[in-house]
C-alpha atoms as a PDB file:
ATOM      1  CA  MET A   1      -0.047 -26.354  14.805  1.00  0.00           C
ATOM      2  CA  ASN A   2       2.092 -25.877  12.359  1.00  0.00           C
ATOM      3  CA  TRP A   3       1.393 -22.977   9.262  1.00  0.00           C
ATOM      4  CA  ASN A   4       0.291 -24.031   5.629  1.00  0.00           C
ATOM      5  CA  ARG A   5       1.154 -22.274   2.920  1.00  0.00           C
ATOM      6  CA  ASP A   6      -2.452 -20.633   2.607  1.00  0.00           C
ATOM      7  CA  GLU A   7      -2.312 -19.179   6.353  1.00  0.00           C
ATOM      8  CA  LEU A   8       0.987 -17.739   6.060  1.00  0.00           C
ATOM      9  CA  LEU A   9      -0.046 -15.819   2.271  1.00  0.00           C
ATOM     10  CA  GLN A  10      -2.575 -14.382   4.668  1.00  0.00           C
ATOM     11  CA  ALA A  11      -0.941 -13.262   7.518  1.00  0.00           C
ATOM     12  CA  LEU A  12       1.969 -11.979   4.679  1.00  0.00           C
ATOM     13  CA  ASN A  13      -0.657 -10.428   2.649  1.00  0.00           C
ATOM     14  CA  LEU A  14      -1.670  -8.430   6.703  1.00  0.00           C
ATOM     15  CA  TYR A  15       1.646  -8.136   7.470  1.00  0.00           C
ATOM     16  CA  HIS A  16       1.827  -5.573   4.264  1.00  0.00           C
ATOM     17  CA  ARG A  17      -0.650  -3.198   5.335  1.00  0.00           C
ATOM     18  CA  THR A  18       0.215  -3.457   9.391  1.00  0.00           C
ATOM     19  CA  ALA A  19       2.629  -1.176  10.553  1.00  0.00           C
ATOM     20  CA  PHE A  20       4.605  -2.678  13.117  1.00  0.00           C
ATOM     21  CA  GLY A  21       3.764  -0.682  15.950  1.00  0.00           C
ATOM     22  CA  LYS A  22       0.396  -2.860  15.331  1.00  0.00           C
ATOM     23  CA  GLN A  23       1.619  -5.978  15.220  1.00  0.00           C
ATOM     24  CA  HIS A  24      -0.194  -6.729  18.328  1.00  0.00           C
ATOM     25  CA  SER A  25      -3.046  -9.659  19.500  1.00  0.00           C
ATOM     26  CA  THR A  26      -5.563  -6.792  19.469  1.00  0.00           C
ATOM     27  CA  TYR A  27      -5.011  -5.150  16.573  1.00  0.00           C
ATOM     28  CA  PRO A  28      -8.626  -5.987  14.804  1.00  0.00           C
ATOM     29  CA  PRO A  29      -7.335  -7.081  11.575  1.00  0.00           C
ATOM     30  CA  ILE A  30      -5.019  -9.306  13.333  1.00  0.00           C
ATOM     31  CA  VAL A  31      -8.196 -10.454  15.457  1.00  0.00           C
ATOM     32  CA  GLU A  32     -10.412 -10.869  12.288  1.00  0.00           C
ATOM     33  CA  LEU A  33      -7.419 -12.929  10.364  1.00  0.00           C
ATOM     34  CA  ALA A  34      -7.324 -15.168  13.841  1.00  0.00           C
ATOM     35  CA  ARG A  35     -10.620 -15.565  13.759  1.00  0.00           C
ATOM     36  CA  LYS A  36     -10.995 -16.637   9.748  1.00  0.00           C
ATOM     37  CA  LEU A  37      -7.768 -18.997  10.395  1.00  0.00           C
ATOM     38  CA  GLY A  38      -8.964 -20.716  13.822  1.00  0.00           C
ATOM     39  CA  ARG A  39      -5.990 -19.625  15.500  1.00  0.00           C
ATOM     40  CA  THR A  40      -5.576 -16.950  18.388  1.00  0.00           C
ATOM     41  CA  PRO A  41      -4.837 -13.695  17.832  1.00  0.00           C
ATOM     42  CA  GLY A  42      -1.530 -14.360  19.920  1.00  0.00           C
ATOM     43  CA  SER A  43      -0.307 -16.747  17.069  1.00  0.00           C
ATOM     44  CA  VAL A  44      -1.391 -14.536  14.162  1.00  0.00           C
ATOM     45  CA  SER A  45       0.564 -11.548  15.968  1.00  0.00           C
ATOM     46  CA  MET A  46       3.628 -13.695  16.531  1.00  0.00           C
ATOM     47  CA  LYS A  47       3.716 -14.795  12.914  1.00  0.00           C
ATOM     48  CA  LEU A  48       3.548 -11.580  12.057  1.00  0.00           C
ATOM     49  CA  ASN A  49       6.967 -10.601  14.283  1.00  0.00           C
ATOM     50  CA  ASN A  50       8.325 -13.451  13.082  1.00  0.00           C
ATOM     51  CA  LEU A  51       7.729 -12.498   9.222  1.00  0.00           C
ATOM     52  CA  THR A  52       9.502  -8.917  10.483  1.00  0.00           C
ATOM     53  CA  SER A  53      12.735 -10.577  10.772  1.00  0.00           C
ATOM     54  CA  LEU A  54      13.074 -11.412   7.320  1.00  0.00           C
ATOM     55  CA  ASP A  55      12.288  -7.535   5.948  1.00  0.00           C
ATOM     56  CA  PRO A  56      15.533  -5.977   4.847  1.00  0.00           C
ATOM     57  CA  ILE A  57      13.564  -2.407   4.454  1.00  0.00           C
ATOM     58  CA  GLU A  58      12.447  -3.549   8.439  1.00  0.00           C
ATOM     59  CA  GLN A  59      15.945  -4.795   9.444  1.00  0.00           C
ATOM     60  CA  ALA A  60      17.851  -1.616   7.589  1.00  0.00           C
ATOM     61  CA  ARG A  61      15.314   0.497  10.363  1.00  0.00           C
ATOM     62  CA  GLY A  62      16.889  -1.410  13.215  1.00  0.00           C
ATOM     63  CA  ILE A  63      13.731  -3.794  13.501  1.00  0.00           C
ATOM     64  CA  LYS A  64      14.490  -7.150  14.179  1.00  0.00           C
ATOM     65  CA  GLY A  65      11.084  -8.741  14.952  1.00  0.00           C
ATOM     66  CA  LEU A  66      11.309 -12.523  16.533  1.00  0.00           C
ATOM     67  CA  SER A  67      13.986 -15.040  15.332  1.00  0.00           C
ATOM     68  CA  GLY A  68      11.636 -17.994  15.242  1.00  0.00           C
ATOM     69  CA  ALA A  69      10.487 -17.989  10.852  1.00  0.00           C
ATOM     70  CA  SER A  70      10.435 -21.504   9.996  1.00  0.00           C
ATOM     71  CA  LYS A  71      11.806 -22.571   6.674  1.00  0.00           C
ATOM     72  CA  LEU A  72       7.773 -21.893   5.059  1.00  0.00           C
ATOM     73  CA  ASP A  73       8.042 -18.930   6.468  1.00  0.00           C
ATOM     74  CA  ARG A  74      11.037 -17.907   4.221  1.00  0.00           C
ATOM     75  CA  ALA A  75       9.783 -19.842   1.203  1.00  0.00           C
ATOM     76  CA  ILE A  76       6.689 -17.920   0.838  1.00  0.00           C
ATOM     77  CA  TRP A  77       8.657 -14.627   2.101  1.00  0.00           C
ATOM     78  CA  GLU A  78      11.017 -15.055  -1.035  1.00  0.00           C
ATOM     79  CA  GLU A  79       8.098 -16.429  -3.718  1.00  0.00           C
ATOM     80  CA  PHE A  80       5.974 -13.069  -2.379  1.00  0.00           C
ATOM     81  CA  GLU A  81       8.791 -10.840  -3.059  1.00  0.00           C
ATOM     82  CA  ASN A  82       9.384 -12.755  -6.688  1.00  0.00           C
ATOM     83  CA  ASP A  83       6.359 -12.953  -8.280  1.00  0.00           C
ATOM     84  CA  LEU A  84       4.084 -10.122  -6.142  1.00  0.00           C
ATOM     85  CA  PRO A  85       1.155 -10.138  -8.646  1.00  0.00           C
ATOM     86  CA  ALA A  86       0.774 -13.825  -8.184  1.00  0.00           C
ATOM     87  CA  LEU A  87       0.961 -13.899  -4.751  1.00  0.00           C
ATOM     88  CA  ALA A  88      -1.647 -10.899  -4.380  1.00  0.00           C
ATOM     89  CA  GLU A  89      -3.876 -12.246  -6.516  1.00  0.00           C
ATOM     90  CA  GLU A  90      -3.773 -15.763  -4.198  1.00  0.00           C
ATOM     91  CA  SER A  91      -3.345 -14.128  -1.029  1.00  0.00           C
ATOM     92  CA  GLU A  92      -6.260 -11.335  -2.034  1.00  0.00           C
ATOM     93  CA  HIS A  93      -8.419 -14.457  -3.129  1.00  0.00           C
ATOM     94  CA  LEU A  94      -7.613 -16.530  -0.083  1.00  0.00           C
ATOM     95  CA  LEU A  95      -9.019 -13.566   2.352  1.00  0.00           C
ATOM     96  CA  GLU A  96     -12.306 -13.232   0.349  1.00  0.00           C
ATOM     97  CA  THR A  97     -14.653 -14.082   2.821  1.00  0.00           C
ATOM     98  CA  GLU A  98     -17.320 -14.807  -0.125  1.00  0.00           C
ATOM     99  CA  PRO A  99     -14.884 -14.759  -3.143  1.00  0.00           C
ATOM    100  CA  VAL A 100     -16.441 -13.021  -5.892  1.00  0.00           C
ATOM    101  CA  GLU A 101     -17.296 -15.342  -8.739  1.00  0.00           C
ATOM    102  CA  PRO A 102     -17.424 -13.736 -12.226  1.00  0.00           C
ATOM    103  CA  THR A 103     -20.821 -12.999 -13.076  1.00  0.00           C
ATOM    104  CA  GLY A 104     -20.954 -13.953 -16.860  1.00  0.00           C
ATOM    105  CA  PRO A 105     -18.427 -14.180 -19.532  1.00  0.00           C
ATOM    106  CA  SER A 106     -17.688 -10.640 -19.744  1.00  0.00           C
ATOM    107  CA  GLU A 107     -15.569 -11.086 -16.741  1.00  0.00           C
ATOM    108  CA  GLY A 108     -12.839 -13.338 -17.337  1.00  0.00           C
ATOM    109  CA  LEU A 109      -9.536 -15.021 -15.804  1.00  0.00           C
ATOM    110  CA  SER A 110      -7.752 -11.707 -16.414  1.00  0.00           C
ATOM    111  CA  LEU A 111     -10.292  -9.157 -15.248  1.00  0.00           C
ATOM    112  CA  THR A 112     -10.673 -10.953 -12.395  1.00  0.00           C
ATOM    113  CA  LYS A 113      -6.678 -11.214 -11.547  1.00  0.00           C
ATOM    114  CA  THR A 114      -6.563  -7.212 -11.809  1.00  0.00           C
ATOM    115  CA  ARG A 115      -9.216  -6.631  -9.311  1.00  0.00           C
ATOM    116  CA  ARG A 116      -7.404  -8.389  -7.211  1.00  0.00           C
ATOM    117  CA  HIS A 117      -4.453  -7.015  -7.544  1.00  0.00           C
ATOM    118  CA  GLN A 118      -6.026  -3.666  -7.375  1.00  0.00           C
ATOM    119  CA  SER A 119      -7.763  -4.525  -4.411  1.00  0.00           C
ATOM    120  CA  PHE A 120      -4.152  -5.653  -2.701  1.00  0.00           C
ATOM    121  CA  PHE A 121      -2.805  -2.432  -3.561  1.00  0.00           C
ATOM    122  CA  ARG A 122      -5.187  -0.740  -2.452  1.00  0.00           C
ATOM    123  CA  ARG A 123      -5.863  -2.222   1.037  1.00  0.00           C
ATOM    124  CA  THR A 124      -2.179  -2.539   1.785  1.00  0.00           C
ATOM    125  CA  VAL A 125      -1.369   1.531   0.726  1.00  0.00           C
ATOM    126  CA  LEU A 126      -4.299   2.762   2.416  1.00  0.00           C
ATOM    127  CA  ALA A 127      -3.226   0.856   5.624  1.00  0.00           C
ATOM    128  CA  THR A 128      -0.078   1.776   5.078  1.00  0.00           C
ATOM    129  CA  TYR A 129      -1.350   5.547   5.773  1.00  0.00           C
ATOM    130  CA  GLN A 130      -3.800   4.509   8.580  1.00  0.00           C
ATOM    131  CA  ASN A 131      -6.638   5.522   5.729  1.00  0.00           C
ATOM    132  CA  ARG A 132      -5.717   8.918   5.302  1.00  0.00           C
ATOM    133  CA  CYS A 133      -4.758  11.331   2.841  1.00  0.00           C
ATOM    134  CA  CYS A 134      -0.818  11.712   3.415  1.00  0.00           C
ATOM    135  CA  VAL A 135      -1.423  15.548   2.158  1.00  0.00           C
ATOM    136  CA  THR A 136      -4.329  16.842   3.922  1.00  0.00           C
ATOM    137  CA  GLY A 137      -5.008  14.053   6.363  1.00  0.00           C
ATOM    138  CA  ASN A 138      -8.820  13.722   4.826  1.00  0.00           C
ATOM    139  CA  PRO A 139     -10.252   9.872   6.747  1.00  0.00           C
ATOM    140  CA  VAL A 140     -12.930   9.661   4.403  1.00  0.00           C
ATOM    141  CA  PRO A 141     -12.559   6.113   2.751  1.00  0.00           C
ATOM    142  CA  GLU A 142     -15.026   7.176  -0.263  1.00  0.00           C
ATOM    143  CA  LEU A 143     -12.831   9.920  -1.365  1.00  0.00           C
ATOM    144  CA  LEU A 144      -9.222   8.511  -0.917  1.00  0.00           C
ATOM    145  CA  ARG A 145      -7.202   6.677  -3.909  1.00  0.00           C
ATOM    146  CA  ALA A 146      -4.187   4.376  -3.618  1.00  0.00           C
ATOM    147  CA  SER A 147      -2.095   6.424  -6.290  1.00  0.00           C
ATOM    148  CA  HIS A 148       0.462   4.927  -8.357  1.00  0.00           C
ATOM    149  CA  ILE A 149       3.623   6.912  -8.450  1.00  0.00           C
ATOM    150  CA  ILE A 150       4.714   5.145 -11.290  1.00  0.00           C
ATOM    151  CA  PRO A 151       1.663   4.289 -13.147  1.00  0.00           C
ATOM    152  CA  TRP A 152       0.332   0.886 -13.947  1.00  0.00           C
ATOM    153  CA  ALA A 153       1.667   0.791 -17.377  1.00  0.00           C
ATOM    154  CA  GLN A 154       4.489   2.189 -16.625  1.00  0.00           C
ATOM    155  CA  SER A 155       6.303  -0.385 -14.829  1.00  0.00           C
ATOM    156  CA  GLU A 156       5.842  -4.186 -14.256  1.00  0.00           C
ATOM    157  CA  LYS A 157       8.168  -4.294 -11.653  1.00  0.00           C
ATOM    158  CA  LEU A 158       6.555  -1.684  -9.570  1.00  0.00           C
ATOM    159  CA  ARG A 159       2.793  -1.877  -9.729  1.00  0.00           C
ATOM    160  CA  LEU A 160       2.021  -3.234  -7.017  1.00  0.00           C
ATOM    161  CA  LYS A 161       4.832  -2.607  -4.678  1.00  0.00           C
ATOM    162  CA  PRO A 162       3.100  -0.511  -1.556  1.00  0.00           C
ATOM    163  CA  ILE A 163       6.212   1.742  -2.042  1.00  0.00           C
ATOM    164  CA  ASN A 164       5.106   3.085  -5.517  1.00  0.00           C
ATOM    165  CA  GLY A 165       1.539   4.258  -4.043  1.00  0.00           C
ATOM    166  CA  LEU A 166       0.311   7.296  -1.713  1.00  0.00           C
ATOM    167  CA  CYS A 167      -2.941   7.496   0.004  1.00  0.00           C
ATOM    168  CA  LEU A 168      -3.993  10.687  -1.900  1.00  0.00           C
ATOM    169  CA  SER A 169      -7.728  12.195  -1.477  1.00  0.00           C
ATOM    170  CA  ALA A 170      -9.436  11.929  -4.813  1.00  0.00           C
ATOM    171  CA  THR A 171      -8.668  16.040  -6.047  1.00  0.00           C
ATOM    172  CA  PHE A 172      -4.911  15.361  -5.369  1.00  0.00           C
ATOM    173  CA  ASP A 173      -5.074  12.040  -6.858  1.00  0.00           C
ATOM    174  CA  ALA A 174      -6.086  13.052  -9.794  1.00  0.00           C
ATOM    175  CA  ALA A 175      -3.618  16.178  -9.826  1.00  0.00           C
ATOM    176  CA  PHE A 176      -1.230  13.835  -8.906  1.00  0.00           C
ATOM    177  CA  ASP A 177      -1.826  11.467 -11.488  1.00  0.00           C
ATOM    178  CA  ARG A 178      -1.917  14.318 -14.505  1.00  0.00           C
ATOM    179  CA  GLY A 179       1.477  15.709 -13.044  1.00  0.00           C
ATOM    180  CA  LEU A 180      -0.185  19.217 -11.636  1.00  0.00           C
ATOM    181  CA  ILE A 181       1.571  18.460  -8.283  1.00  0.00           C
ATOM    182  CA  SER A 182       4.410  16.331  -6.984  1.00  0.00           C
ATOM    183  CA  PHE A 183       6.887  15.604  -4.291  1.00  0.00           C
ATOM    184  CA  ASP A 184      10.506  16.863  -3.918  1.00  0.00           C
ATOM    185  CA  GLU A 185      13.236  14.764  -1.885  1.00  0.00           C
ATOM    186  CA  ASP A 186      12.137  15.771   1.220  1.00  0.00           C
ATOM    187  CA  TYR A 187       8.489  14.747   0.621  1.00  0.00           C
ATOM    188  CA  ARG A 188       7.230  18.504   0.451  1.00  0.00           C
ATOM    189  CA  LEU A 189       4.310  19.301  -1.828  1.00  0.00           C
ATOM    190  CA  MET A 190       5.420  20.531  -5.091  1.00  0.00           C
ATOM    191  CA  ILE A 191       2.674  22.571  -7.335  1.00  0.00           C
ATOM    192  CA  GLY A 192       3.068  22.778 -11.028  1.00  0.00           C
ATOM    193  CA  CYS A 193       2.465  25.938 -13.352  1.00  0.00           C
ATOM    194  CA  ARG A 194      -0.754  24.199 -14.984  1.00  0.00           C
ATOM    195  CA  ILE A 195      -2.687  25.165 -11.368  1.00  0.00           C
ATOM    196  CA  ALA A 196      -1.159  28.439 -11.008  1.00  0.00           C
ATOM    197  CA  GLU A 197      -2.440  29.711 -14.378  1.00  0.00           C
ATOM    198  CA  PHE A 198      -5.616  29.872 -12.176  1.00  0.00           C
ATOM    199  CA  LEU A 199      -4.862  32.211  -9.594  1.00  0.00           C
ATOM    200  CA  PRO A 200      -6.165  34.261  -7.784  1.00  0.00           C
ATOM    201  CA  ASN A 201      -9.111  31.500  -6.649  1.00  0.00           C
ATOM    202  CA  GLU A 202      -9.638  31.093  -3.334  1.00  0.00           C
ATOM    203  CA  GLU A 203     -10.866  27.213  -4.133  1.00  0.00           C
ATOM    204  CA  LEU A 204      -7.311  26.478  -5.776  1.00  0.00           C
ATOM    205  CA  ALA A 205      -5.409  28.696  -2.792  1.00  0.00           C
ATOM    206  CA  ALA A 206      -7.634  26.863   0.022  1.00  0.00           C
ATOM    207  CA  THR A 207      -7.294  23.192  -1.323  1.00  0.00           C
ATOM    208  CA  PHE A 208      -3.741  23.383  -3.021  1.00  0.00           C
ATOM    209  CA  PHE A 209      -1.327  26.051  -1.647  1.00  0.00           C
ATOM    210  CA  SER A 210      -1.900  26.044   1.946  1.00  0.00           C
ATOM    211  CA  HIS A 211      -0.313  22.874   1.513  1.00  0.00           C
ATOM    212  CA  GLN A 212       2.546  24.156  -0.446  1.00  0.00           C
ATOM    213  CA  SER A 213       6.064  23.103   0.377  1.00  0.00           C
ATOM    214  CA  LYS A 214       4.571  20.863   3.729  1.00  0.00           C
ATOM    215  CA  SER A 215       6.145  17.531   3.713  1.00  0.00           C
ATOM    216  CA  LEU A 216       3.698  14.780   3.395  1.00  0.00           C
ATOM    217  CA  GLU A 217       2.631  12.388   6.410  1.00  0.00           C
ATOM    218  CA  LEU A 218       5.238   9.665   5.953  1.00  0.00           C
ATOM    219  CA  PRO A 219       4.264   5.827   7.059  1.00  0.00           C
ATOM    220  CA  GLU A 220       5.648   3.680   9.532  1.00  0.00           C
ATOM    221  CA  LYS A 221       5.824   1.228   6.714  1.00  0.00           C
ATOM    222  CA  ASN A 222       6.295   1.196   3.098  1.00  0.00           C
ATOM    223  CA  LEU A 223       8.426   4.438   3.008  1.00  0.00           C
ATOM    224  CA  PRO A 224       7.630   6.093  -0.592  1.00  0.00           C
ATOM    225  CA  SER A 225      10.057   5.353  -2.686  1.00  0.00           C
ATOM    226  CA  GLN A 226      12.338   8.131  -3.537  1.00  0.00           C
ATOM    227  CA  ASP A 227      13.142   6.823  -7.313  1.00  0.00           C
ATOM    228  CA  ALA A 228       9.411   6.290  -8.013  1.00  0.00           C
ATOM    229  CA  LEU A 229       9.335   9.911  -6.995  1.00  0.00           C
ATOM    230  CA  LYS A 230      12.164  11.204  -9.114  1.00  0.00           C
ATOM    231  CA  TRP A 231      10.777   9.326 -12.000  1.00  0.00           C
ATOM    232  CA  HIS A 232       7.357  11.129 -11.501  1.00  0.00           C
ATOM    233  CA  ARG A 233       9.400  14.827 -11.276  1.00  0.00           C
ATOM    234  CA  GLN A 234      10.902  14.039 -14.225  1.00  0.00           C
ATOM    235  CA  HIS A 235       7.917  12.252 -16.831  1.00  0.00           C
ATOM    236  CA  LEU A 236       4.916  13.410 -15.311  1.00  0.00           C
ATOM    237  CA  PHE A 237       5.395  16.704 -13.440  1.00  0.00           C
ATOM    238  CA  VAL A 238       4.232  20.123 -15.566  1.00  0.00           C
ATOM    239  CA  SER A 239       6.678  22.109 -13.010  1.00  0.00           C
END
């Protein structure tokens, strides 16, 4: 049975938050999407591997995927890449089991779009880092944030791109957002002078300085953009 546009959008949404090594028929999110679409997990897994063949970042890593991508696969891939805000919103809406409708006049169309954009970014970034802080390894979902490297307001082009995101625990997210920490060209934690002003302090030593100069845990997919990190160091980080 041929895939339609709505099904492909949902598959592509899942593709962006699934590491290549998990694109198999027993991976729970693949099983769940298959159930929702009335397809087999094997067919959804195969579709994600078809989409891999269209991904230039994966190709650069030497990962080819499967060669059976259809004309519609290619069209949806290009549409997703060229108009990510609209396609992220549309795919998030399709994935909502029980779509959340505006609750009153205070929530308009713009707010609904923003909520879906944020949902796409958070779900994708957290899944990219296997739901763990890339500095500390903290796995508690309620304490994890999808942190923008270049802030939302500063780059419309990158605001929804997973390569502009890091999964950080709430404390590290706050510090990163305010330029108190950053990461160097080798993805190593840099701690700014503002935090150092409060030394000696056991809490700061345990929370931040125990991780100083250590490389963050890199994901298999959606490596954080070096250009974005350079921007953060130059424009936000207080060294």
